[in-house]
PDB file of N, CA and C in Angstrom:
ATOM      1  N   UNK A   1     127.920  73.157  48.600  1.00  0.00           N
ATOM      2  CA  UNK A   1     128.574  71.920  48.154  1.00  0.00           C
ATOM      3  C   UNK A   1     129.693  71.643  49.159  1.00  0.00           C
ATOM      4  N   UNK A   2     129.832  70.349  49.539  1.00  0.00           N
ATOM      5  CA  UNK A   2     130.832  69.913  50.466  1.00  0.00           C
ATOM      6  C   UNK A   2     131.965  69.221  49.725  1.00  0.00           C
ATOM      7  N   UNK A   3     133.161  69.347  50.287  1.00  0.00           N
ATOM      8  CA  UNK A   3     134.361  68.726  49.730  1.00  0.00           C
ATOM      9  C   UNK A   3     134.930  67.824  50.808  1.00  0.00           C
ATOM     10  N   UNK A   4     135.004  66.525  50.500  1.00  0.00           N
ATOM     11  CA  UNK A   4     135.552  65.560  51.463  1.00  0.00           C
ATOM     12  C   UNK A   4     137.053  65.461  51.222  1.00  0.00           C
ATOM     13  N   UNK A   5     137.814  65.445  52.305  1.00  0.00           N
ATOM     14  CA  UNK A   5     139.255  65.456  52.173  1.00  0.00           C
ATOM     15  C   UNK A   5     139.917  64.621  53.316  1.00  0.00           C
ATOM     16  N   UNK A   6     141.115  64.226  53.028  1.00  0.00           N
ATOM     17  CA  UNK A   6     141.950  63.536  54.099  1.00  0.00           C
ATOM     18  C   UNK A   6     143.077  64.549  54.441  1.00  0.00           C
ATOM     19  N   UNK A   7     143.182  64.879  55.659  1.00  0.00           N
ATOM     20  CA  UNK A   7     144.259  65.744  56.117  1.00  0.00           C
ATOM     21  C   UNK A   7     145.233  64.906  56.971  1.00  0.00           C
ATOM     22  N   UNK A   8     146.412  65.390  57.111  1.00  0.00           N
ATOM     23  CA  UNK A   8     147.436  64.651  57.881  1.00  0.00           C
ATOM     24  C   UNK A   8     147.899  65.533  59.026  1.00  0.00           C
ATOM     25  N   UNK A   9     148.024  64.913  60.241  1.00  0.00           N
ATOM     26  CA  UNK A   9     148.558  65.533  61.380  1.00  0.00           C
ATOM     27  C   UNK A   9     149.502  64.543  62.012  1.00  0.00           C
ATOM     28  N   UNK A  10     150.776  64.908  62.165  1.00  0.00           N
ATOM     29  CA  UNK A  10     151.807  63.985  62.685  1.00  0.00           C
ATOM     30  C   UNK A  10     151.782  62.678  61.891  1.00  0.00           C
ATOM     31  N   UNK A  11     151.700  62.757  60.573  1.00  0.00           N
ATOM     32  CA  UNK A  11     151.708  61.647  59.645  1.00  0.00           C
ATOM     33  C   UNK A  11     150.542  60.661  59.885  1.00  0.00           C
ATOM     34  N   UNK A  12     149.439  61.148  60.443  1.00  0.00           N
ATOM     35  CA  UNK A  12     148.260  60.326  60.642  1.00  0.00           C
ATOM     36  C   UNK A  12     147.099  60.961  59.878  1.00  0.00           C
ATOM     37  N   UNK A  13     146.261  60.109  59.352  1.00  0.00           N
ATOM     38  CA  UNK A  13     145.084  60.615  58.616  1.00  0.00           C
ATOM     39  C   UNK A  13     143.966  61.121  59.514  1.00  0.00           C
ATOM     40  N   UNK A  14     143.403  62.270  59.098  1.00  0.00           N
ATOM     41  CA  UNK A  14     142.252  62.813  59.794  1.00  0.00           C
ATOM     42  C   UNK A  14     141.265  63.211  58.723  1.00  0.00           C
ATOM     43  N   UNK A  15     140.069  62.578  58.782  1.00  0.00           N
ATOM     44  CA  UNK A  15     139.032  62.890  57.807  1.00  0.00           C
ATOM     45  C   UNK A  15     138.457  64.297  58.039  1.00  0.00           C
ATOM     46  N   UNK A  16     138.180  65.026  56.926  1.00  0.00           N
ATOM     47  CA  UNK A  16     137.666  66.369  57.056  1.00  0.00           C
ATOM     48  C   UNK A  16     136.688  66.580  55.903  1.00  0.00           C
ATOM     49  N   UNK A  17     135.785  67.544  56.154  1.00  0.00           N
ATOM     50  CA  UNK A  17     134.796  67.972  55.096  1.00  0.00           C
ATOM     51  C   UNK A  17     134.807  69.478  55.120  1.00  0.00           C
ATOM     52  N   UNK A  18     134.904  70.042  53.897  1.00  0.00           N
ATOM     53  CA  UNK A  18     134.827  71.488  53.739  1.00  0.00           C
ATOM     54  C   UNK A  18     133.385  71.881  53.556  1.00  0.00           C
ATOM     55  N   UNK A  19     132.902  72.778  54.409  1.00  0.00           N
ATOM     56  CA  UNK A  19     131.548  73.337  54.310  1.00  0.00           C
ATOM     57  C   UNK A  19     131.618  74.684  53.644  1.00  0.00           C
ATOM     58  N   UNK A  20     131.317  74.688  52.352  1.00  0.00           N
ATOM     59  CA  UNK A  20     131.510  75.843  51.537  1.00  0.00           C
ATOM     60  C   UNK A  20     130.517  77.020  51.950  1.00  0.00           C
ATOM     61  N   UNK A  21     129.328  76.622  52.424  1.00  0.00           N
ATOM     62  CA  UNK A  21     128.312  77.650  52.825  1.00  0.00           C
ATOM     63  C   UNK A  21     128.836  78.482  54.000  1.00  0.00           C
ATOM     64  N   UNK A  22     129.541  77.824  54.935  1.00  0.00           N
ATOM     65  CA  UNK A  22     130.028  78.517  56.091  1.00  0.00           C
ATOM     66  C   UNK A  22     131.528  78.764  56.074  1.00  0.00           C
ATOM     67  N   UNK A  23     132.204  78.351  55.004  1.00  0.00           N
ATOM     68  CA  UNK A  23     133.624  78.547  54.868  1.00  0.00           C
ATOM     69  C   UNK A  23     134.387  77.974  56.061  1.00  0.00           C
ATOM     70  N   UNK A  24     134.079  76.693  56.395  1.00  0.00           N
ATOM     71  CA  UNK A  24     134.717  76.046  57.575  1.00  0.00           C
ATOM     72  C   UNK A  24     135.097  74.624  57.207  1.00  0.00           C
ATOM     73  N   UNK A  25     136.165  74.140  57.845  1.00  0.00           N
ATOM     74  CA  UNK A  25     136.527  72.712  57.780  1.00  0.00           C
ATOM     75  C   UNK A  25     135.926  72.047  58.997  1.00  0.00           C
ATOM     76  N   UNK A  26     135.343  70.870  58.807  1.00  0.00           N
ATOM     77  CA  UNK A  26     134.827  70.028  59.904  1.00  0.00           C
ATOM     78  C   UNK A  26     135.669  68.777  59.928  1.00  0.00           C
ATOM     79  N   UNK A  27     136.227  68.482  61.115  1.00  0.00           N
ATOM     80  CA  UNK A  27     137.107  67.340  61.263  1.00  0.00           C
ATOM     81  C   UNK A  27     136.457  66.234  62.064  1.00  0.00           C
ATOM     82  N   UNK A  28     136.815  64.984  61.798  1.00  0.00           N
ATOM     83  CA  UNK A  28     136.309  63.814  62.473  1.00  0.00           C
ATOM     84  C   UNK A  28     136.981  63.747  63.862  1.00  0.00           C
ATOM     85  N   UNK A  29     136.120  63.838  64.882  1.00  0.00           N
ATOM     86  CA  UNK A  29     136.625  63.833  66.293  1.00  0.00           C
ATOM     87  C   UNK A  29     137.299  62.554  66.620  1.00  0.00           C
ATOM     88  N   UNK A  30     136.771  61.427  66.196  1.00  0.00           N
ATOM     89  CA  UNK A  30     137.376  60.125  66.519  1.00  0.00           C
ATOM     90  C   UNK A  30     138.758  60.032  65.939  1.00  0.00           C
ATOM     91  N   UNK A  31     139.024  60.562  64.721  1.00  0.00           N
ATOM     92  CA  UNK A  31     140.353  60.573  64.147  1.00  0.00           C
ATOM     93  C   UNK A  31     141.289  61.452  64.947  1.00  0.00           C
ATOM     94  N   UNK A  32     140.780  62.596  65.451  1.00  0.00           N
ATOM     95  CA  UNK A  32     141.654  63.482  66.224  1.00  0.00           C
ATOM     96  C   UNK A  32     142.051  62.818  67.584  1.00  0.00           C
ATOM     97  N   UNK A  33     141.040  62.138  68.183  1.00  0.00           N
ATOM     98  CA  UNK A  33     141.362  61.400  69.422  1.00  0.00           C
ATOM     99  C   UNK A  33     142.470  60.385  69.172  1.00  0.00           C
ATOM    100  N   UNK A  34     142.414  59.682  68.038  1.00  0.00           N
ATOM    101  CA  UNK A  34     143.437  58.733  67.715  1.00  0.00           C
ATOM    102  C   UNK A  34     144.788  59.395  67.523  1.00  0.00           C
ATOM    103  N   UNK A  35     144.818  60.548  66.965  1.00  0.00           N
ATOM    104  CA  UNK A  35     146.127  61.278  66.803  1.00  0.00           C
ATOM    105  C   UNK A  35     146.687  61.670  68.144  1.00  0.00           C
ATOM    106  N   UNK A  36     145.816  62.206  69.009  1.00  0.00           N
ATOM    107  CA  UNK A  36     146.312  62.710  70.319  1.00  0.00           C
ATOM    108  C   UNK A  36     146.730  61.559  71.207  1.00  0.00           C
ATOM    109  N   UNK A  37     146.074  60.431  71.083  1.00  0.00           N
ATOM    110  CA  UNK A  37     146.387  59.256  71.969  1.00  0.00           C
ATOM    111  C   UNK A  37     147.375  58.357  71.290  1.00  0.00           C
ATOM    112  N   UNK A  38     147.778  58.674  70.072  1.00  0.00           N
ATOM    113  CA  UNK A  38     148.674  57.797  69.264  1.00  0.00           C
ATOM    114  C   UNK A  38     148.158  56.346  69.245  1.00  0.00           C
ATOM    115  N   UNK A  39     146.855  56.262  68.876  1.00  0.00           N
ATOM    116  CA  UNK A  39     146.163  54.978  68.847  1.00  0.00           C
ATOM    117  C   UNK A  39     145.633  54.745  67.417  1.00  0.00           C
ATOM    118  N   UNK A  40     145.921  53.607  66.823  1.00  0.00           N
ATOM    119  CA  UNK A  40     145.473  53.307  65.474  1.00  0.00           C
ATOM    120  C   UNK A  40     144.112  52.584  65.452  1.00  0.00           C
ATOM    121  N   UNK A  41     143.721  51.986  66.555  1.00  0.00           N
ATOM    122  CA  UNK A  41     142.509  51.168  66.574  1.00  0.00           C
ATOM    123  C   UNK A  41     141.294  52.097  66.662  1.00  0.00           C
ATOM    124  N   UNK A  42     140.455  52.043  65.590  1.00  0.00           N
ATOM    125  CA  UNK A  42     139.268  52.889  65.532  1.00  0.00           C
ATOM    126  C   UNK A  42     138.321  52.614  66.655  1.00  0.00           C
ATOM    127  N   UNK A  43     138.149  51.328  67.041  1.00  0.00           N
ATOM    128  CA  UNK A  43     137.213  50.908  68.085  1.00  0.00           C
ATOM    129  C   UNK A  43     137.638  51.531  69.420  1.00  0.00           C
ATOM    130  N   UNK A  44     138.924  51.521  69.719  1.00  0.00           N
ATOM    131  CA  UNK A  44     139.383  52.085  70.984  1.00  0.00           C
ATOM    132  C   UNK A  44     139.181  53.590  70.995  1.00  0.00           C
ATOM    133  N   UNK A  45     139.438  54.232  69.895  1.00  0.00           N
ATOM    134  CA  UNK A  45     139.215  55.681  69.778  1.00  0.00           C
ATOM    135  C   UNK A  45     137.731  56.034  69.960  1.00  0.00           C
ATOM    136  N   UNK A  46     136.891  55.218  69.375  1.00  0.00           N
ATOM    137  CA  UNK A  46     135.448  55.426  69.490  1.00  0.00           C
ATOM    138  C   UNK A  46     134.948  55.203  70.901  1.00  0.00           C
ATOM    139  N   UNK A  47     135.463  54.232  71.596  1.00  0.00           N
ATOM    140  CA  UNK A  47     135.132  53.953  72.965  1.00  0.00           C
ATOM    141  C   UNK A  47     135.535  55.111  73.833  1.00  0.00           C
ATOM    142  N   UNK A  48     136.770  55.680  73.582  1.00  0.00           N
ATOM    143  CA  UNK A  48     137.231  56.827  74.316  1.00  0.00           C
ATOM    144  C   UNK A  48     136.319  58.029  74.191  1.00  0.00           C
ATOM    145  N   UNK A  49     135.777  58.205  72.989  1.00  0.00           N
ATOM    146  CA  UNK A  49     134.846  59.331  72.712  1.00  0.00           C
ATOM    147  C   UNK A  49     133.556  59.126  73.438  1.00  0.00           C
ATOM    148  N   UNK A  50     133.076  57.864  73.553  1.00  0.00           N
ATOM    149  CA  UNK A  50     131.822  57.581  74.250  1.00  0.00           C
ATOM    150  C   UNK A  50     131.962  57.936  75.725  1.00  0.00           C
TER     151      UNK A  50
END
Protein backbone atom coordinates (compact mmCIF):
# COMPACT_ATOMS: atom_id res chain seq x y z
CA UNK A 1 0.00 0.00 0.00
CA UNK A 2 1.27 3.48 -0.89
CA UNK A 3 0.88 6.64 1.14
CA UNK A 4 0.81 9.96 -0.73
CA UNK A 5 2.24 12.91 1.17
CA UNK A 6 3.36 16.51 0.81
CA UNK A 7 6.77 17.24 2.27
CA UNK A 8 8.33 20.65 2.74
CA UNK A 9 11.88 21.69 1.97
CA UNK A 10 12.85 25.34 2.49
CA UNK A 11 9.12 26.12 2.88
CA UNK A 12 8.33 24.67 -0.56
CA UNK A 13 6.07 21.71 -1.30
CA UNK A 14 7.58 18.49 -2.58
CA UNK A 15 5.23 15.65 -3.47
CA UNK A 16 6.19 12.23 -2.11
CA UNK A 17 4.87 8.68 -2.02
CA UNK A 18 5.71 6.10 0.64
CA UNK A 19 6.38 2.65 -0.81
CA UNK A 20 5.55 0.34 2.05
CA UNK A 21 6.80 -2.80 0.27
CA UNK A 22 10.33 -1.40 -0.06
CA UNK A 23 10.20 0.96 2.95
CA UNK A 24 11.25 3.95 0.83
CA UNK A 25 10.05 7.45 0.11
CA UNK A 26 9.81 8.42 -3.59
CA UNK A 27 9.99 12.16 -4.31
CA UNK A 28 8.82 14.09 -7.35
CA UNK A 29 11.93 15.15 -9.28
CA UNK A 30 10.24 18.16 -10.91
CA UNK A 31 9.33 19.52 -7.45
CA UNK A 32 12.92 19.04 -6.26
CA UNK A 33 14.24 20.91 -9.32
CA UNK A 34 11.89 23.76 -8.44
CA UNK A 35 13.22 23.89 -4.88
CA UNK A 36 16.85 23.85 -5.98
CA UNK A 37 16.31 26.51 -8.67
CA UNK A 38 13.93 28.53 -6.47
CA UNK A 39 11.40 28.43 -9.32
CA UNK A 40 7.62 28.23 -8.75
CA UNK A 41 6.60 27.72 -12.39
CA UNK A 42 5.92 24.00 -12.95
CA UNK A 43 6.37 24.34 -16.73
CA UNK A 44 9.85 25.82 -16.38
CA UNK A 45 10.84 23.09 -13.93
CA UNK A 46 9.51 20.43 -16.29
CA UNK A 47 11.42 21.92 -19.22
CA UNK A 48 14.60 21.95 -17.10
CA UNK A 49 14.11 18.24 -16.41
CA UNK A 50 13.66 17.47 -20.14
